[in-house]
C-alpha atoms as a PDB file:
ATOM      1  CA  UNK A   1      47.571  38.242   9.706  1.00  0.00           C
ATOM      2  CA  UNK A   2      43.984  36.905   9.491  1.00  0.00           C
ATOM      3  CA  UNK A   3      41.477  38.946  11.420  1.00  0.00           C
ATOM      4  CA  UNK A   4      39.948  37.021  14.310  1.00  0.00           C
ATOM      5  CA  UNK A   5      36.356  37.885  13.337  1.00  0.00           C
ATOM      6  CA  UNK A   6      36.868  36.376   9.847  1.00  0.00           C
ATOM      7  CA  UNK A   7      38.018  32.970  11.056  1.00  0.00           C
ATOM      8  CA  UNK A   8      34.508  31.489  11.737  1.00  0.00           C
ATOM      9  CA  UNK A   9      33.303  32.651   8.324  1.00  0.00           C
ATOM     10  CA  UNK A  10      36.314  31.182   6.539  1.00  0.00           C
ATOM     11  CA  UNK A  11      35.997  27.926   8.457  1.00  0.00           C
ATOM     12  CA  UNK A  12      32.326  27.630   7.538  1.00  0.00           C
ATOM     13  CA  UNK A  13      33.152  28.312   3.897  1.00  0.00           C
ATOM     14  CA  UNK A  14      35.794  25.585   3.888  1.00  0.00           C
ATOM     15  CA  UNK A  15      33.387  23.114   5.497  1.00  0.00           C
ATOM     16  CA  UNK A  16      30.677  23.871   2.932  1.00  0.00           C
ATOM     17  CA  UNK A  17      33.151  23.401   0.074  1.00  0.00           C
ATOM     18  CA  UNK A  18      34.394  20.116   1.548  1.00  0.00           C
ATOM     19  CA  UNK A  19      30.846  18.855   1.998  1.00  0.00           C
ATOM     20  CA  UNK A  20      29.907  19.799  -1.569  1.00  0.00           C
ATOM     21  CA  UNK A  21      32.973  18.026  -2.918  1.00  0.00           C
ATOM     22  CA  UNK A  22      32.188  14.933  -0.835  1.00  0.00           C
ATOM     23  CA  UNK A  23      28.580  14.845  -2.024  1.00  0.00           C
ATOM     24  CA  UNK A  24      29.672  15.218  -5.642  1.00  0.00           C
ATOM     25  CA  UNK A  25      32.098  12.320  -5.254  1.00  0.00           C
ATOM     26  CA  UNK A  26      29.411  10.123  -3.649  1.00  0.00           C
ATOM     27  CA  UNK A  27      26.973  10.962  -6.440  1.00  0.00           C
ATOM     28  CA  UNK A  28      29.585  10.020  -9.071  1.00  0.00           C
ATOM     29  CA  UNK A  29      30.357   6.734  -7.311  1.00  0.00           C
ATOM     30  CA  UNK A  30      26.650   5.948  -6.950  1.00  0.00           C
ATOM     31  CA  UNK A  31      26.105   6.560 -10.657  1.00  0.00           C
ATOM     32  CA  UNK A  32      29.013   4.270 -11.539  1.00  0.00           C
ATOM     33  CA  UNK A  33      27.683   1.522  -9.269  1.00  0.00           C
ATOM     34  CA  UNK A  34      24.198   1.759 -10.780  1.00  0.00           C
ATOM     35  CA  UNK A  35      25.603   1.559 -14.290  1.00  0.00           C
ATOM     36  CA  UNK A  36      27.147  -1.798 -13.358  1.00  0.00           C
ATOM     37  CA  UNK A  37      24.483  -3.327 -11.125  1.00  0.00           C
ATOM     38  CA  UNK A  38      21.115  -1.801 -12.010  1.00  0.00           C
ATOM     39  CA  UNK A  39      18.964  -4.343 -13.865  1.00  0.00           C
ATOM     40  CA  UNK A  40      21.469  -7.158 -13.296  1.00  0.00           C
ATOM     41  CA  UNK A  41      20.308 -10.641 -12.381  1.00  0.00           C
ATOM     42  CA  UNK A  42      21.788 -11.662  -9.047  1.00  0.00           C
ATOM     43  CA  UNK A  43      21.982 -14.524  -6.609  1.00  0.00           C
ATOM     44  CA  UNK A  44      21.777 -13.267  -3.010  1.00  0.00           C
ATOM     45  CA  UNK A  45      24.377 -14.874  -0.776  1.00  0.00           C
ATOM     46  CA  UNK A  46      22.551 -14.407   2.550  1.00  0.00           C
ATOM     47  CA  UNK A  47      19.214 -15.263   4.106  1.00  0.00           C
ATOM     48  CA  UNK A  48      16.882 -12.290   3.705  1.00  0.00           C
ATOM     49  CA  UNK A  49      13.415 -11.218   4.778  1.00  0.00           C
ATOM     50  CA  UNK A  50      10.600  -9.325   3.082  1.00  0.00           C
ATOM     51  CA  UNK A  51       7.151  -8.111   4.025  1.00  0.00           C
ATOM     52  CA  UNK A  52       6.057  -8.795   0.429  1.00  0.00           C
ATOM     53  CA  UNK A  53       3.680  -5.852   0.601  1.00  0.00           C
ATOM     54  CA  UNK A  54       4.942  -3.811  -2.329  1.00  0.00           C
ATOM     55  CA  UNK A  55       7.733  -1.946  -0.511  1.00  0.00           C
ATOM     56  CA  UNK A  56      11.418  -2.760  -0.096  1.00  0.00           C
ATOM     57  CA  UNK A  57      11.994  -4.353   3.314  1.00  0.00           C
ATOM     58  CA  UNK A  58      15.123  -3.314   5.218  1.00  0.00           C
ATOM     59  CA  UNK A  59      17.737  -6.004   5.824  1.00  0.00           C
ATOM     60  CA  UNK A  60      20.823  -5.158   7.878  1.00  0.00           C
ATOM     61  CA  UNK A  61      23.349  -7.577   6.387  1.00  0.00           C
ATOM     62  CA  UNK A  62      26.261  -8.913   8.426  1.00  0.00           C
ATOM     63  CA  UNK A  63      28.228 -11.598   6.644  1.00  0.00           C
ATOM     64  CA  UNK A  64      25.843 -14.347   5.510  1.00  0.00           C
ATOM     65  CA  UNK A  65      22.955 -13.308   7.752  1.00  0.00           C
ATOM     66  CA  UNK A  66      20.560 -10.387   7.963  1.00  0.00           C
ATOM     67  CA  UNK A  67      18.444  -8.726  10.618  1.00  0.00           C
ATOM     68  CA  UNK A  68      15.019  -7.610   9.501  1.00  0.00           C
ATOM     69  CA  UNK A  69      11.410  -7.223  10.574  1.00  0.00           C
ATOM     70  CA  UNK A  70      10.176  -8.782   7.338  1.00  0.00           C
ATOM     71  CA  UNK A  71       7.587 -11.504   7.788  1.00  0.00           C
ATOM     72  CA  UNK A  72       8.727 -13.883   5.053  1.00  0.00           C
ATOM     73  CA  UNK A  73      12.159 -15.507   5.051  1.00  0.00           C
ATOM     74  CA  UNK A  74      14.132 -16.388   1.928  1.00  0.00           C
ATOM     75  CA  UNK A  75      17.188 -18.624   2.109  1.00  0.00           C
ATOM     76  CA  UNK A  76      20.561 -17.771   0.637  1.00  0.00           C
ATOM     77  CA  UNK A  77      20.669 -18.347  -3.109  1.00  0.00           C
ATOM     78  CA  UNK A  78      17.504 -16.365  -3.847  1.00  0.00           C
ATOM     79  CA  UNK A  79      17.190 -15.069  -7.422  1.00  0.00           C
ATOM     80  CA  UNK A  80      16.439 -11.406  -8.104  1.00  0.00           C
ATOM     81  CA  UNK A  81      17.187  -8.279 -10.104  1.00  0.00           C
ATOM     82  CA  UNK A  82      18.808  -5.112  -8.811  1.00  0.00           C
ATOM     83  CA  UNK A  83      16.386  -2.193  -8.901  1.00  0.00           C
ATOM     84  CA  UNK A  84      18.731   0.521  -7.646  1.00  0.00           C
ATOM     85  CA  UNK A  85      21.752   1.280  -5.484  1.00  0.00           C
ATOM     86  CA  UNK A  86      21.886   4.115  -2.957  1.00  0.00           C
ATOM     87  CA  UNK A  87      25.328   5.061  -1.697  1.00  0.00           C
ATOM     88  CA  UNK A  88      25.437   6.792   1.677  1.00  0.00           C
ATOM     89  CA  UNK A  89      28.329   8.020   3.799  1.00  0.00           C
ATOM     90  CA  UNK A  90      28.381   4.970   6.070  1.00  0.00           C
ATOM     91  CA  UNK A  91      26.516   2.319   4.119  1.00  0.00           C
ATOM     92  CA  UNK A  92      25.366   1.191   0.691  1.00  0.00           C
ATOM     93  CA  UNK A  93      21.755   0.177   0.086  1.00  0.00           C
ATOM     94  CA  UNK A  94      21.076  -2.375  -2.652  1.00  0.00           C
ATOM     95  CA  UNK A  95      17.393  -2.650  -3.618  1.00  0.00           C
ATOM     96  CA  UNK A  96      16.564  -6.062  -5.072  1.00  0.00           C
ATOM     97  CA  UNK A  97      13.279  -7.339  -6.507  1.00  0.00           C
ATOM     98  CA  UNK A  98      12.958 -11.094  -6.015  1.00  0.00           C
ATOM     99  CA  UNK A  99      12.240 -12.910  -9.253  1.00  0.00           C
ATOM    100  CA  UNK A 100       9.698 -15.418  -7.990  1.00  0.00           C
ATOM    101  CA  UNK A 101       6.475 -14.354  -6.258  1.00  0.00           C
ATOM    102  CA  UNK A 102       5.361 -15.932  -3.015  1.00  0.00           C
ATOM    103  CA  UNK A 103       2.183 -18.002  -2.898  1.00  0.00           C
ATOM    104  CA  UNK A 104       0.320 -17.215   0.329  1.00  0.00           C
ATOM    105  CA  UNK A 105      -2.978 -18.859   1.342  1.00  0.00           C
ATOM    106  CA  UNK A 106      -5.909 -16.990   2.868  1.00  0.00           C
ATOM    107  CA  UNK A 107      -9.417 -17.973   3.927  1.00  0.00           C
ATOM    108  CA  UNK A 108     -12.568 -16.236   2.773  1.00  0.00           C
ATOM    109  CA  UNK A 109     -15.719 -17.940   3.960  1.00  0.00           C
ATOM    110  CA  UNK A 110     -15.459 -21.664   3.183  1.00  0.00           C
ATOM    111  CA  UNK A 111     -12.744 -21.171   0.549  1.00  0.00           C
ATOM    112  CA  UNK A 112      -8.961 -21.315   0.614  1.00  0.00           C
ATOM    113  CA  UNK A 113      -7.543 -18.802  -1.851  1.00  0.00           C
ATOM    114  CA  UNK A 114      -3.973 -17.993  -2.821  1.00  0.00           C
ATOM    115  CA  UNK A 115      -2.380 -14.605  -3.316  1.00  0.00           C
ATOM    116  CA  UNK A 116       0.777 -14.077  -5.342  1.00  0.00           C
ATOM    117  CA  UNK A 117       2.929 -11.548  -3.507  1.00  0.00           C
ATOM    118  CA  UNK A 118       5.775  -9.622  -5.117  1.00  0.00           C
ATOM    119  CA  UNK A 119       8.664  -9.483  -2.650  1.00  0.00           C
ATOM    120  CA  UNK A 120      11.407  -6.869  -2.421  1.00  0.00           C
ATOM    121  CA  UNK A 121      14.419  -6.457  -0.160  1.00  0.00           C
ATOM    122  CA  UNK A 122      16.734  -3.577   0.681  1.00  0.00           C
ATOM    123  CA  UNK A 123      20.150  -4.934   1.554  1.00  0.00           C
ATOM    124  CA  UNK A 124      22.078  -2.538   3.781  1.00  0.00           C
ATOM    125  CA  UNK A 125      25.840  -3.056   3.867  1.00  0.00           C
ATOM    126  CA  UNK A 126      28.092  -1.055   6.180  1.00  0.00           C
ATOM    127  CA  UNK A 127      31.099   0.544   4.538  1.00  0.00           C
ATOM    128  CA  UNK A 128      34.451  -0.263   6.185  1.00  0.00           C
ATOM    129  CA  UNK A 129      35.612   2.540   8.453  1.00  0.00           C
ATOM    130  CA  UNK A 130      39.116   2.363   7.074  1.00  0.00           C
ATOM    131  CA  UNK A 131      38.003   2.322   3.459  1.00  0.00           C
ATOM    132  CA  UNK A 132      37.666   5.141   0.982  1.00  0.00           C
ATOM    133  CA  UNK A 133      34.113   4.333  -0.044  1.00  0.00           C
ATOM    134  CA  UNK A 134      35.016   4.744  -3.702  1.00  0.00           C
ATOM    135  CA  UNK A 135      33.440   2.781  -6.527  1.00  0.00           C
ATOM    136  CA  UNK A 136      35.844  -0.183  -6.712  1.00  0.00           C
ATOM    137  CA  UNK A 137      35.789  -0.766  -2.982  1.00  0.00           C
ATOM    138  CA  UNK A 138      31.974  -0.601  -2.742  1.00  0.00           C
ATOM    139  CA  UNK A 139      31.673  -2.769  -5.835  1.00  0.00           C
ATOM    140  CA  UNK A 140      33.751  -5.481  -4.160  1.00  0.00           C
ATOM    141  CA  UNK A 141      31.604  -5.209  -1.039  1.00  0.00           C
ATOM    142  CA  UNK A 142      28.417  -5.720  -3.062  1.00  0.00           C
ATOM    143  CA  UNK A 143      29.979  -8.532  -5.068  1.00  0.00           C
ATOM    144  CA  UNK A 144      30.708 -10.302  -1.800  1.00  0.00           C
ATOM    145  CA  UNK A 145      26.963 -10.573  -1.250  1.00  0.00           C
ATOM    146  CA  UNK A 146      25.497 -10.661  -4.755  1.00  0.00           C
ATOM    147  CA  UNK A 147      26.566 -12.957  -7.572  1.00  0.00           C
ATOM    148  CA  UNK A 148      26.260 -10.893 -10.762  1.00  0.00           C
ATOM    149  CA  UNK A 149      24.719 -12.379 -13.930  1.00  0.00           C
ATOM    150  CA  UNK A 150      23.817 -10.941 -17.294  1.00  0.00           C
ATOM    151  CA  UNK A 151      20.608 -12.958 -17.749  1.00  0.00           C
ATOM    152  CA  UNK A 152      18.084 -15.022 -15.857  1.00  0.00           C
ATOM    153  CA  UNK A 153      19.231 -18.157 -17.635  1.00  0.00           C
ATOM    154  CA  UNK A 154      22.790 -17.570 -16.486  1.00  0.00           C
ATOM    155  CA  UNK A 155      21.673 -16.965 -12.889  1.00  0.00           C
ATOM    156  CA  UNK A 156      19.520 -20.094 -12.818  1.00  0.00           C
ATOM    157  CA  UNK A 157      22.475 -22.118 -14.086  1.00  0.00           C
ATOM    158  CA  UNK A 158      24.530 -21.045 -11.059  1.00  0.00           C
ATOM    159  CA  UNK A 159      25.318 -23.700  -8.493  1.00  0.00           C
ATOM    160  CA  UNK A 160      24.447 -21.145  -5.812  1.00  0.00           C
ATOM    161  CA  UNK A 161      20.815 -20.646  -6.912  1.00  0.00           C
ATOM    162  CA  UNK A 162      18.513 -22.137  -4.271  1.00  0.00           C
ATOM    163  CA  UNK A 163      16.033 -23.267  -6.927  1.00  0.00           C
ATOM    164  CA  UNK A 164      12.973 -21.630  -5.357  1.00  0.00           C
ATOM    165  CA  UNK A 165      10.017 -21.135  -7.694  1.00  0.00           C
ATOM    166  CA  UNK A 166       6.440 -20.205  -6.900  1.00  0.00           C
ATOM    167  CA  UNK A 167       4.442 -23.149  -5.612  1.00  0.00           C
ATOM    168  CA  UNK A 168       1.887 -24.334  -8.188  1.00  0.00           C
ATOM    169  CA  UNK A 169      -1.815 -23.803  -7.585  1.00  0.00           C
ATOM    170  CA  UNK A 170      -3.972 -26.875  -6.845  1.00  0.00           C
ATOM    171  CA  UNK A 171      -5.134 -28.717  -9.964  1.00  0.00           C
ATOM    172  CA  UNK A 172      -8.793 -27.760  -9.438  1.00  0.00           C
ATOM    173  CA  UNK A 173      -8.042 -24.139  -8.504  1.00  0.00           C
ATOM    174  CA  UNK A 174      -9.893 -22.690 -11.520  1.00  0.00           C
ATOM    175  CA  UNK A 175     -13.047 -24.474 -10.365  1.00  0.00           C
ATOM    176  CA  UNK A 176     -12.459 -23.195  -6.822  1.00  0.00           C
ATOM    177  CA  UNK A 177     -12.158 -19.617  -8.116  1.00  0.00           C
ATOM    178  CA  UNK A 178     -15.419 -19.978 -10.065  1.00  0.00           C
ATOM    179  CA  UNK A 179     -17.269 -21.321  -7.025  1.00  0.00           C
ATOM    180  CA  UNK A 180     -15.756 -18.575  -4.895  1.00  0.00           C
ATOM    181  CA  UNK A 181     -16.875 -15.808  -7.276  1.00  0.00           C
ATOM    182  CA  UNK A 182     -20.368 -17.305  -7.339  1.00  0.00           C
ATOM    183  CA  UNK A 183     -20.461 -17.474  -3.533  1.00  0.00           C
ATOM    184  CA  UNK A 184     -19.094 -13.941  -3.221  1.00  0.00           C
ATOM    185  CA  UNK A 185     -21.731 -12.584  -5.612  1.00  0.00           C
ATOM    186  CA  UNK A 186     -24.444 -14.280  -3.570  1.00  0.00           C
ATOM    187  CA  UNK A 187     -23.082 -12.825  -0.327  1.00  0.00           C
ATOM    188  CA  UNK A 188     -22.750  -9.310  -1.720  1.00  0.00           C
ATOM    189  CA  UNK A 189     -26.137  -9.355  -3.399  1.00  0.00           C
ATOM    190  CA  UNK A 190     -27.833 -10.581  -0.225  1.00  0.00           C
ATOM    191  CA  UNK A 191     -26.228  -7.751   1.755  1.00  0.00           C
ATOM    192  CA  UNK A 192     -27.179  -5.167  -0.894  1.00  0.00           C
ATOM    193  CA  UNK A 193     -30.785  -6.395  -1.031  1.00  0.00           C
ATOM    194  CA  UNK A 194     -31.072  -6.316   2.763  1.00  0.00           C
ATOM    195  CA  UNK A 195     -29.696  -2.783   2.918  1.00  0.00           C
ATOM    196  CA  UNK A 196     -32.073  -1.592   0.199  1.00  0.00           C
ATOM    197  CA  UNK A 197     -35.034  -3.131   2.047  1.00  0.00           C
ATOM    198  CA  UNK A 198     -33.918  -1.405   5.224  1.00  0.00           C
ATOM    199  CA  UNK A 199     -33.628   1.932   3.409  1.00  0.00           C
ATOM    200  CA  UNK A 200     -37.115   1.556   1.928  1.00  0.00           C
ATOM    201  CA  UNK A 201     -38.590   0.773   5.345  1.00  0.00           C
ATOM    202  CA  UNK A 202     -36.872   3.753   6.964  1.00  0.00           C
ATOM    203  CA  UNK A 203     -37.943   6.090   4.162  1.00  0.00           C
ATOM    204  CA  UNK A 204     -41.568   4.880   4.486  1.00  0.00           C
ATOM    205  CA  UNK A 205     -41.418   5.430   8.249  1.00  0.00           C
ATOM    206  CA  UNK A 206     -40.209   9.001   7.778  1.00  0.00           C
ATOM    207  CA  UNK A 207     -42.920   9.755   5.224  1.00  0.00           C
ATOM    208  CA  UNK A 208     -45.591   8.420   7.604  1.00  0.00           C
ATOM    209  CA  UNK A 209     -44.419  10.722  10.390  1.00  0.00           C
ATOM    210  CA  UNK A 210     -44.408  13.919   8.338  1.00  0.00           C
ATOM    211  CA  UNK A 211     -46.160  16.573  10.402  1.00  0.00           C
ATOM    212  CA  UNK A 212     -48.351  19.150   8.661  1.00  0.00           C
ATOM    213  CA  UNK A 213     -47.397  21.781  11.218  1.00  0.00           C
ATOM    214  CA  UNK A 214     -45.868  24.762   9.269  1.00  0.00           C
ATOM    215  CA  UNK A 215     -42.699  24.985  11.368  1.00  0.00           C
ATOM    216  CA  UNK A 216     -42.008  21.283  10.878  1.00  0.00           C
ATOM    217  CA  UNK A 217     -42.618  21.495   7.116  1.00  0.00           C
ATOM    218  CA  UNK A 218     -40.332  24.509   6.811  1.00  0.00           C
ATOM    219  CA  UNK A 219     -37.529  22.631   8.597  1.00  0.00           C
ATOM    220  CA  UNK A 220     -38.283  19.489   6.579  1.00  0.00           C
ATOM    221  CA  UNK A 221     -37.910  21.359   3.285  1.00  0.00           C
ATOM    222  CA  UNK A 222     -34.623  22.908   4.440  1.00  0.00           C
ATOM    223  CA  UNK A 223     -33.403  19.474   5.545  1.00  0.00           C
ATOM    224  CA  UNK A 224     -34.150  18.009   2.122  1.00  0.00           C
ATOM    225  CA  UNK A 225     -32.181  20.813   0.482  1.00  0.00           C
ATOM    226  CA  UNK A 226     -29.303  20.195   2.866  1.00  0.00           C
ATOM    227  CA  UNK A 227     -29.379  16.444   2.219  1.00  0.00           C
ATOM    228  CA  UNK A 228     -29.261  16.982  -1.537  1.00  0.00           C
ATOM    229  CA  UNK A 229     -26.096  19.000  -1.101  1.00  0.00           C
ATOM    230  CA  UNK A 230     -24.343  15.987   0.441  1.00  0.00           C
ATOM    231  CA  UNK A 231     -22.715  13.346  -1.768  1.00  0.00           C
ATOM    232  CA  UNK A 232     -22.762   9.743  -0.608  1.00  0.00           C
ATOM    233  CA  UNK A 233     -20.438   8.692  -3.431  1.00  0.00           C
ATOM    234  CA  UNK A 234     -20.630   5.447  -5.358  1.00  0.00           C
ATOM    235  CA  UNK A 235     -18.355   3.115  -3.385  1.00  0.00           C
ATOM    236  CA  UNK A 236     -20.473   0.060  -2.637  1.00  0.00           C
ATOM    237  CA  UNK A 237     -18.683  -0.920   0.564  1.00  0.00           C
ATOM    238  CA  UNK A 238     -19.144   2.595   1.946  1.00  0.00           C
ATOM    239  CA  UNK A 239     -22.796   2.676   0.933  1.00  0.00           C
ATOM    240  CA  UNK A 240     -23.390  -0.611   2.746  1.00  0.00           C
ATOM    241  CA  UNK A 241     -21.804   0.686   5.943  1.00  0.00           C
ATOM    242  CA  UNK A 242     -22.868   4.357   5.764  1.00  0.00           C
ATOM    243  CA  UNK A 243     -24.519   5.707   8.898  1.00  0.00           C
ATOM    244  CA  UNK A 244     -27.390   8.171   8.875  1.00  0.00           C
ATOM    245  CA  UNK A 245     -25.940   9.770  12.004  1.00  0.00           C
ATOM    246  CA  UNK A 246     -22.799  10.876  10.151  1.00  0.00           C
ATOM    247  CA  UNK A 247     -24.932  12.198   7.281  1.00  0.00           C
ATOM    248  CA  UNK A 248     -27.341  14.399   9.228  1.00  0.00           C
ATOM    249  CA  UNK A 249     -26.188  17.868  10.267  1.00  0.00           C
ATOM    250  CA  UNK A 250     -27.335  19.402  13.515  1.00  0.00           C
ATOM    251  CA  UNK A 251     -30.047  22.045  13.099  1.00  0.00           C
ATOM    252  CA  UNK A 252     -29.000  25.686  13.357  1.00  0.00           C
ATOM    253  CA  UNK A 253     -29.533  27.352  16.718  1.00  0.00           C
ATOM    254  CA  UNK A 254     -32.535  29.552  17.349  1.00  0.00           C
ATOM    255  CA  UNK A 255     -35.096  27.419  15.526  1.00  0.00           C
ATOM    256  CA  UNK A 256     -38.135  25.860  17.171  1.00  0.00           C
ATOM    257  CA  UNK A 257     -38.306  22.254  18.217  1.00  0.00           C
ATOM    258  CA  UNK A 258     -40.720  21.400  15.383  1.00  0.00           C
ATOM    259  CA  UNK A 259     -38.450  23.068  12.835  1.00  0.00           C
ATOM    260  CA  UNK A 260     -35.411  21.128  14.121  1.00  0.00           C
ATOM    261  CA  UNK A 261     -37.259  17.817  13.959  1.00  0.00           C
ATOM    262  CA  UNK A 262     -38.349  18.543  10.408  1.00  0.00           C
ATOM    263  CA  UNK A 263     -34.805  19.536   9.451  1.00  0.00           C
ATOM    264  CA  UNK A 264     -33.399  16.238  10.703  1.00  0.00           C
ATOM    265  CA  UNK A 265     -36.212  14.144   9.184  1.00  0.00           C
ATOM    266  CA  UNK A 266     -35.717  15.794   5.790  1.00  0.00           C
ATOM    267  CA  UNK A 267     -32.033  14.901   5.758  1.00  0.00           C
ATOM    268  CA  UNK A 268     -32.735  11.353   6.895  1.00  0.00           C
ATOM    269  CA  UNK A 269     -35.280  10.867   4.119  1.00  0.00           C
ATOM    270  CA  UNK A 270     -32.763  11.979   1.497  1.00  0.00           C
ATOM    271  CA  UNK A 271     -30.179   9.651   3.019  1.00  0.00           C
ATOM    272  CA  UNK A 272     -32.341   6.547   2.815  1.00  0.00           C
ATOM    273  CA  UNK A 273     -33.702   7.357  -0.645  1.00  0.00           C
ATOM    274  CA  UNK A 274     -30.162   7.887  -1.950  1.00  0.00           C
ATOM    275  CA  UNK A 275     -28.878   4.716  -0.287  1.00  0.00           C
ATOM    276  CA  UNK A 276     -31.657   2.704  -1.921  1.00  0.00           C
ATOM    277  CA  UNK A 277     -31.099   4.312  -5.324  1.00  0.00           C
ATOM    278  CA  UNK A 278     -27.317   4.055  -5.422  1.00  0.00           C
ATOM    279  CA  UNK A 279     -27.090   0.510  -4.065  1.00  0.00           C
ATOM    280  CA  UNK A 280     -29.047  -0.826  -7.041  1.00  0.00           C
ATOM    281  CA  UNK A 281     -25.827  -0.445  -9.027  1.00  0.00           C
ATOM    282  CA  UNK A 282     -23.947  -2.650  -6.560  1.00  0.00           C
ATOM    283  CA  UNK A 283     -25.482  -6.008  -7.420  1.00  0.00           C
ATOM    284  CA  UNK A 284     -22.837  -8.373  -8.805  1.00  0.00           C
ATOM    285  CA  UNK A 285     -23.543 -10.530 -11.843  1.00  0.00           C
ATOM    286  CA  UNK A 286     -23.006 -14.265 -11.603  1.00  0.00           C
ATOM    287  CA  UNK A 287     -19.585 -15.322 -12.954  1.00  0.00           C
ATOM    288  CA  UNK A 288     -19.614 -16.485 -16.576  1.00  0.00           C
END
């Protein structure tokens, strides 16, 4: 007769073994599904949504419709390729990369520009409660949503393809891009020049206010050393927006007022000199 104190241990062991066996079976089924579907050209049989931001957007598929928070809607018949299949206990996730990018307009200054966005969807299909979840059953579930093709040409020949292709750019778009790059260079260069002028003026102001009092000069020298230890980096956008207040460290406690003022002025001088020096590399050339 089994000892009472061994029953929990035996039960736990049986549960662990059952779980391991279940996970192994799921992994085998997932591998089999990927061998059939991964890389395949497909026609999606439901409306789907994507954020088109580089990640796969979740779509909870029910029949020929889907619920999603994706911003951009794609009608049934969309063309894509299967990136991967994830098989879970209650659902299967089919990751599909849409074949055609999305042309999205945006405004920058007086110009209308167009971005090409790569769109991806994750199609989540619930497994039937009464089903086994094995390869053939899941394969039929996926095939009910995705029309499988061996090539793009075959998929585009399907009567179910919705025919969507990326909208063409305007005929004069190359000229628009040239004018935009010229305008952008002018805007950036004006901002860089203004920031350099400001840095020069601030540096000159600090030099004019240098006090010959020994305590001030001692703090000033220490502030310069401290400023040289800081790295402003080379990112032009950060240099344009950098604040002297975030650069300057507070003086150590116990020093005189003159020493503290010198310490702060020394750091500020380094800041403005470095801003002026580094920003000279941020001027943009005119487009060729």
